[in-house]
Amino acid sequence: MASVLVRHKVNNYDTWRPIFEADGERRKAGGCTGTHLFRNLDNPNEVIINLQWDSVENARKFVANPGLEEVMKNAGVVDQPDVYFLDDAGRTAS
């Protein structure tokens, strides 16, 4: 399993969230198996998304899809996202 960590700022979280959720079927069809959302406590319009994928190839294909840029624009993303492709290295007790 691969993960993609995305950090970006949005105009308004309450506007962004339903658009992100509405795009869930497209993510699922592309191989996304789940997401976990975070908000910066000091700036609630800065969002961090952890997306789990069935393969890193599908994750890379999804992120490179030109349609994603249009969805982000419509959702109010206001900066260039930071995107990290991650491999699970395990958990620790603390």
N, C-alpha and C. Protein backbone atom coordinates (compact mmCIF):
# COMPACT_ATOMS: atom_id res chain seq x y z
N MET A 1 0.85 -1.18 0.00
CA MET A 1 0.00 0.00 0.00
C MET A 1 0.89 1.24 0.00
N ALA A 2 0.48 2.23 -0.74
CA ALA A 2 1.20 3.50 -0.82
C ALA A 2 0.32 4.59 -0.23
N SER A 3 0.95 5.64 0.23
CA SER A 3 0.23 6.81 0.72
C SER A 3 0.73 8.05 -0.01
N VAL A 4 -0.15 9.01 -0.13
CA VAL A 4 0.21 10.32 -0.66
C VAL A 4 -0.19 11.34 0.39
N LEU A 5 0.76 12.17 0.77
CA LEU A 5 0.51 13.25 1.71
C LEU A 5 0.49 14.55 0.92
N VAL A 6 -0.59 15.30 1.06
CA VAL A 6 -0.76 16.56 0.32
C VAL A 6 -1.00 17.67 1.33
N ARG A 7 -0.30 18.79 1.14
CA ARG A 7 -0.52 19.98 1.96
C ARG A 7 -0.82 21.14 1.02
N HIS A 8 -1.94 21.81 1.25
CA HIS A 8 -2.22 23.03 0.50
C HIS A 8 -3.15 23.94 1.29
N LYS A 9 -3.21 25.18 0.84
CA LYS A 9 -4.09 26.17 1.46
C LYS A 9 -5.30 26.36 0.56
N VAL A 10 -6.42 26.66 1.21
CA VAL A 10 -7.68 26.88 0.51
C VAL A 10 -8.27 28.22 0.91
N ASN A 11 -9.09 28.77 0.05
CA ASN A 11 -9.77 30.03 0.38
C ASN A 11 -10.64 29.89 1.62
N ASN A 12 -11.39 28.79 1.67
CA ASN A 12 -12.33 28.59 2.77
C ASN A 12 -12.55 27.09 2.94
N TYR A 13 -12.19 26.57 4.10
CA TYR A 13 -12.30 25.13 4.34
C TYR A 13 -13.73 24.63 4.15
N ASP A 14 -14.70 25.39 4.64
CA ASP A 14 -16.10 24.96 4.56
C ASP A 14 -16.60 24.88 3.12
N THR A 15 -16.01 25.63 2.23
CA THR A 15 -16.33 25.54 0.81
C THR A 15 -15.56 24.39 0.17
N TRP A 16 -14.30 24.22 0.56
CA TRP A 16 -13.44 23.19 -0.01
C TRP A 16 -13.91 21.78 0.31
N ARG A 17 -14.32 21.53 1.55
CA ARG A 17 -14.61 20.17 2.03
C ARG A 17 -15.67 19.45 1.19
N PRO A 18 -16.83 20.03 0.91
CA PRO A 18 -17.82 19.28 0.12
C PRO A 18 -17.35 18.99 -1.31
N ILE A 19 -16.54 19.86 -1.87
CA ILE A 19 -16.01 19.60 -3.22
C ILE A 19 -15.02 18.45 -3.17
N PHE A 20 -14.17 18.43 -2.14
CA PHE A 20 -13.25 17.31 -1.95
C PHE A 20 -14.03 16.01 -1.79
N GLU A 21 -15.06 16.00 -0.96
CA GLU A 21 -15.84 14.80 -0.74
C GLU A 21 -16.55 14.35 -2.02
N ALA A 22 -17.05 15.29 -2.80
CA ALA A 22 -17.75 14.95 -4.05
C ALA A 22 -16.82 14.28 -5.06
N ASP A 23 -15.53 14.50 -4.93
CA ASP A 23 -14.55 13.90 -5.84
C ASP A 23 -14.13 12.50 -5.38
N GLY A 24 -14.73 12.01 -4.32
CA GLY A 24 -14.35 10.72 -3.75
C GLY A 24 -14.53 9.54 -4.68
N GLU A 25 -15.57 9.53 -5.47
CA GLU A 25 -15.80 8.41 -6.38
C GLU A 25 -14.70 8.35 -7.44
N ARG A 26 -14.25 9.50 -7.90
CA ARG A 26 -13.16 9.52 -8.89
C ARG A 26 -11.87 9.01 -8.27
N ARG A 27 -11.60 9.41 -7.01
CA ARG A 27 -10.42 8.89 -6.31
C ARG A 27 -10.52 7.38 -6.15
N LYS A 28 -11.69 6.90 -5.72
CA LYS A 28 -11.88 5.47 -5.51
C LYS A 28 -11.69 4.69 -6.80
N ALA A 29 -12.24 5.19 -7.90
CA ALA A 29 -12.08 4.53 -9.20
C ALA A 29 -10.62 4.49 -9.63
N GLY A 30 -9.82 5.45 -9.15
CA GLY A 30 -8.40 5.50 -9.49
C GLY A 30 -7.52 4.66 -8.58
N GLY A 31 -8.10 4.04 -7.55
CA GLY A 31 -7.33 3.18 -6.67
C GLY A 31 -7.15 3.69 -5.26
N CYS A 32 -7.78 4.82 -4.91
CA CYS A 32 -7.68 5.33 -3.55
C CYS A 32 -8.54 4.47 -2.63
N THR A 33 -7.96 4.02 -1.51
CA THR A 33 -8.68 3.15 -0.60
C THR A 33 -9.11 3.86 0.69
N GLY A 34 -8.76 5.13 0.85
CA GLY A 34 -9.18 5.87 2.02
C GLY A 34 -8.41 7.17 2.16
N THR A 35 -8.98 8.09 2.94
CA THR A 35 -8.33 9.37 3.19
C THR A 35 -8.44 9.74 4.67
N HIS A 36 -7.54 10.59 5.10
CA HIS A 36 -7.57 11.15 6.45
C HIS A 36 -7.23 12.62 6.31
N LEU A 37 -8.12 13.49 6.78
CA LEU A 37 -7.94 14.94 6.65
C LEU A 37 -7.45 15.54 7.96
N PHE A 38 -6.60 16.56 7.83
CA PHE A 38 -6.10 17.33 8.96
C PHE A 38 -6.20 18.82 8.61
N ARG A 39 -6.36 19.65 9.65
CA ARG A 39 -6.33 21.10 9.48
C ARG A 39 -5.28 21.67 10.42
N ASN A 40 -4.58 22.68 9.95
CA ASN A 40 -3.60 23.37 10.76
C ASN A 40 -4.34 24.13 11.86
N LEU A 41 -3.96 23.91 13.12
CA LEU A 41 -4.62 24.60 14.23
C LEU A 41 -4.43 26.11 14.17
N ASP A 42 -3.32 26.57 13.63
CA ASP A 42 -3.05 28.01 13.55
C ASP A 42 -3.60 28.64 12.29
N ASN A 43 -3.92 27.84 11.30
CA ASN A 43 -4.51 28.34 10.05
C ASN A 43 -5.46 27.27 9.53
N PRO A 44 -6.74 27.32 9.90
CA PRO A 44 -7.69 26.27 9.55
C PRO A 44 -7.95 26.14 8.05
N ASN A 45 -7.44 27.06 7.26
CA ASN A 45 -7.57 26.95 5.81
C ASN A 45 -6.34 26.30 5.18
N GLU A 46 -5.44 25.78 6.01
CA GLU A 46 -4.33 24.97 5.52
C GLU A 46 -4.70 23.52 5.81
N VAL A 47 -4.76 22.72 4.76
CA VAL A 47 -5.26 21.35 4.84
C VAL A 47 -4.14 20.37 4.52
N ILE A 48 -4.09 19.29 5.28
CA ILE A 48 -3.17 18.20 5.00
C ILE A 48 -4.03 16.95 4.81
N ILE A 49 -3.79 16.26 3.71
CA ILE A 49 -4.59 15.09 3.35
C ILE A 49 -3.66 13.89 3.23
N ASN A 50 -4.01 12.82 3.91
CA ASN A 50 -3.29 11.56 3.77
C ASN A 50 -4.21 10.62 3.00
N LEU A 51 -3.80 10.27 1.79
CA LEU A 51 -4.59 9.38 0.94
C LEU A 51 -3.89 8.04 0.82
N GLN A 52 -4.62 6.95 1.03
CA GLN A 52 -4.07 5.62 0.87
C GLN A 52 -4.45 5.09 -0.51
N TRP A 53 -3.50 4.40 -1.15
CA TRP A 53 -3.70 3.91 -2.52
C TRP A 53 -3.37 2.43 -2.60
N ASP A 54 -3.99 1.76 -3.56
CA ASP A 54 -3.71 0.35 -3.78
C ASP A 54 -2.32 0.13 -4.38
N SER A 55 -1.78 1.16 -5.05
CA SER A 55 -0.42 1.06 -5.61
C SER A 55 0.14 2.46 -5.80
N VAL A 56 1.45 2.58 -5.76
CA VAL A 56 2.08 3.87 -6.00
C VAL A 56 1.87 4.30 -7.45
N GLU A 57 1.78 3.35 -8.37
CA GLU A 57 1.55 3.70 -9.77
C GLU A 57 0.21 4.40 -9.94
N ASN A 58 -0.84 3.87 -9.29
CA ASN A 58 -2.16 4.52 -9.38
C ASN A 58 -2.16 5.88 -8.69
N ALA A 59 -1.43 5.99 -7.59
CA ALA A 59 -1.34 7.28 -6.90
C ALA A 59 -0.67 8.32 -7.79
N ARG A 60 0.43 7.94 -8.42
CA ARG A 60 1.13 8.88 -9.31
C ARG A 60 0.27 9.26 -10.51
N LYS A 61 -0.44 8.29 -11.06
CA LYS A 61 -1.30 8.56 -12.21
C LYS A 61 -2.41 9.55 -11.82
N PHE A 62 -3.00 9.35 -10.64
CA PHE A 62 -4.07 10.23 -10.19
C PHE A 62 -3.57 11.66 -10.00
N VAL A 63 -2.43 11.80 -9.32
CA VAL A 63 -1.88 13.14 -9.05
C VAL A 63 -1.50 13.85 -10.35
N ALA A 64 -1.06 13.10 -11.36
CA ALA A 64 -0.65 13.70 -12.63
C ALA A 64 -1.82 14.00 -13.56
N ASN A 65 -3.02 13.54 -13.21
CA ASN A 65 -4.18 13.75 -14.08
C ASN A 65 -4.52 15.24 -14.17
N PRO A 66 -4.60 15.78 -15.40
CA PRO A 66 -4.92 17.21 -15.55
C PRO A 66 -6.27 17.60 -14.95
N GLY A 67 -7.20 16.67 -14.84
CA GLY A 67 -8.50 16.98 -14.25
C GLY A 67 -8.42 17.34 -12.79
N LEU A 68 -7.40 16.85 -12.10
CA LEU A 68 -7.24 17.16 -10.67
C LEU A 68 -7.00 18.65 -10.46
N GLU A 69 -6.24 19.25 -11.34
CA GLU A 69 -5.96 20.69 -11.22
C GLU A 69 -7.26 21.51 -11.30
N GLU A 70 -8.16 21.11 -12.18
CA GLU A 70 -9.44 21.82 -12.31
C GLU A 70 -10.30 21.65 -11.06
N VAL A 71 -10.32 20.44 -10.50
CA VAL A 71 -11.08 20.20 -9.27
C VAL A 71 -10.52 21.07 -8.14
N MET A 72 -9.20 21.11 -8.01
CA MET A 72 -8.59 21.92 -6.94
C MET A 72 -8.89 23.40 -7.14
N LYS A 73 -8.84 23.86 -8.37
CA LYS A 73 -9.15 25.26 -8.65
C LYS A 73 -10.59 25.58 -8.24
N ASN A 74 -11.53 24.71 -8.63
CA ASN A 74 -12.94 24.92 -8.28
C ASN A 74 -13.18 24.86 -6.78
N ALA A 75 -12.35 24.08 -6.07
CA ALA A 75 -12.50 23.95 -4.62
C ALA A 75 -11.87 25.11 -3.86
N GLY A 76 -11.10 25.95 -4.55
CA GLY A 76 -10.51 27.12 -3.89
C GLY A 76 -9.11 26.92 -3.37
N VAL A 77 -8.37 25.95 -3.93
CA VAL A 77 -6.97 25.79 -3.54
C VAL A 77 -6.21 27.02 -4.03
N VAL A 78 -5.45 27.66 -3.13
CA VAL A 78 -4.83 28.94 -3.46
C VAL A 78 -3.32 28.91 -3.56
N ASP A 79 -2.71 27.76 -3.38
CA ASP A 79 -1.25 27.69 -3.53
C ASP A 79 -0.88 26.41 -4.25
N GLN A 80 0.40 26.28 -4.53
CA GLN A 80 0.89 25.05 -5.15
C GLN A 80 0.98 23.98 -4.07
N PRO A 81 0.27 22.87 -4.23
CA PRO A 81 0.31 21.84 -3.19
C PRO A 81 1.70 21.22 -3.04
N ASP A 82 2.03 20.85 -1.82
CA ASP A 82 3.19 19.99 -1.57
C ASP A 82 2.66 18.57 -1.60
N VAL A 83 3.29 17.70 -2.40
CA VAL A 83 2.84 16.32 -2.56
C VAL A 83 4.00 15.38 -2.27
N TYR A 84 3.77 14.41 -1.40
CA TYR A 84 4.78 13.43 -1.03
C TYR A 84 4.22 12.03 -1.23
N PHE A 85 4.95 11.21 -1.96
CA PHE A 85 4.60 9.80 -2.13
C PHE A 85 5.34 9.02 -1.05
N LEU A 86 4.60 8.26 -0.24
CA LEU A 86 5.17 7.64 0.95
C LEU A 86 4.96 6.13 0.96
N ASP A 87 5.88 5.44 1.59
CA ASP A 87 5.78 4.02 1.83
C ASP A 87 5.72 3.82 3.34
N ASP A 88 4.84 2.97 3.81
CA ASP A 88 4.68 2.73 5.24
C ASP A 88 5.93 2.05 5.79
N ALA A 89 6.58 2.70 6.73
CA ALA A 89 7.80 2.17 7.35
C ALA A 89 7.53 1.57 8.73
N GLY A 90 6.26 1.46 9.11
CA GLY A 90 5.91 0.84 10.37
C GLY A 90 5.56 1.83 11.46
N ARG A 91 5.06 1.32 12.57
CA ARG A 91 4.67 2.12 13.72
C ARG A 91 5.61 1.86 14.88
N THR A 92 5.61 2.80 15.82
CA THR A 92 6.37 2.62 17.07
C THR A 92 5.39 2.70 18.24
N ALA A 93 5.85 2.31 19.40
CA ALA A 93 4.98 2.30 20.58
C ALA A 93 4.66 3.71 21.07
N SER A 94 5.52 4.68 20.78
CA SER A 94 5.25 6.05 21.24
C SER A 94 5.79 7.04 20.25
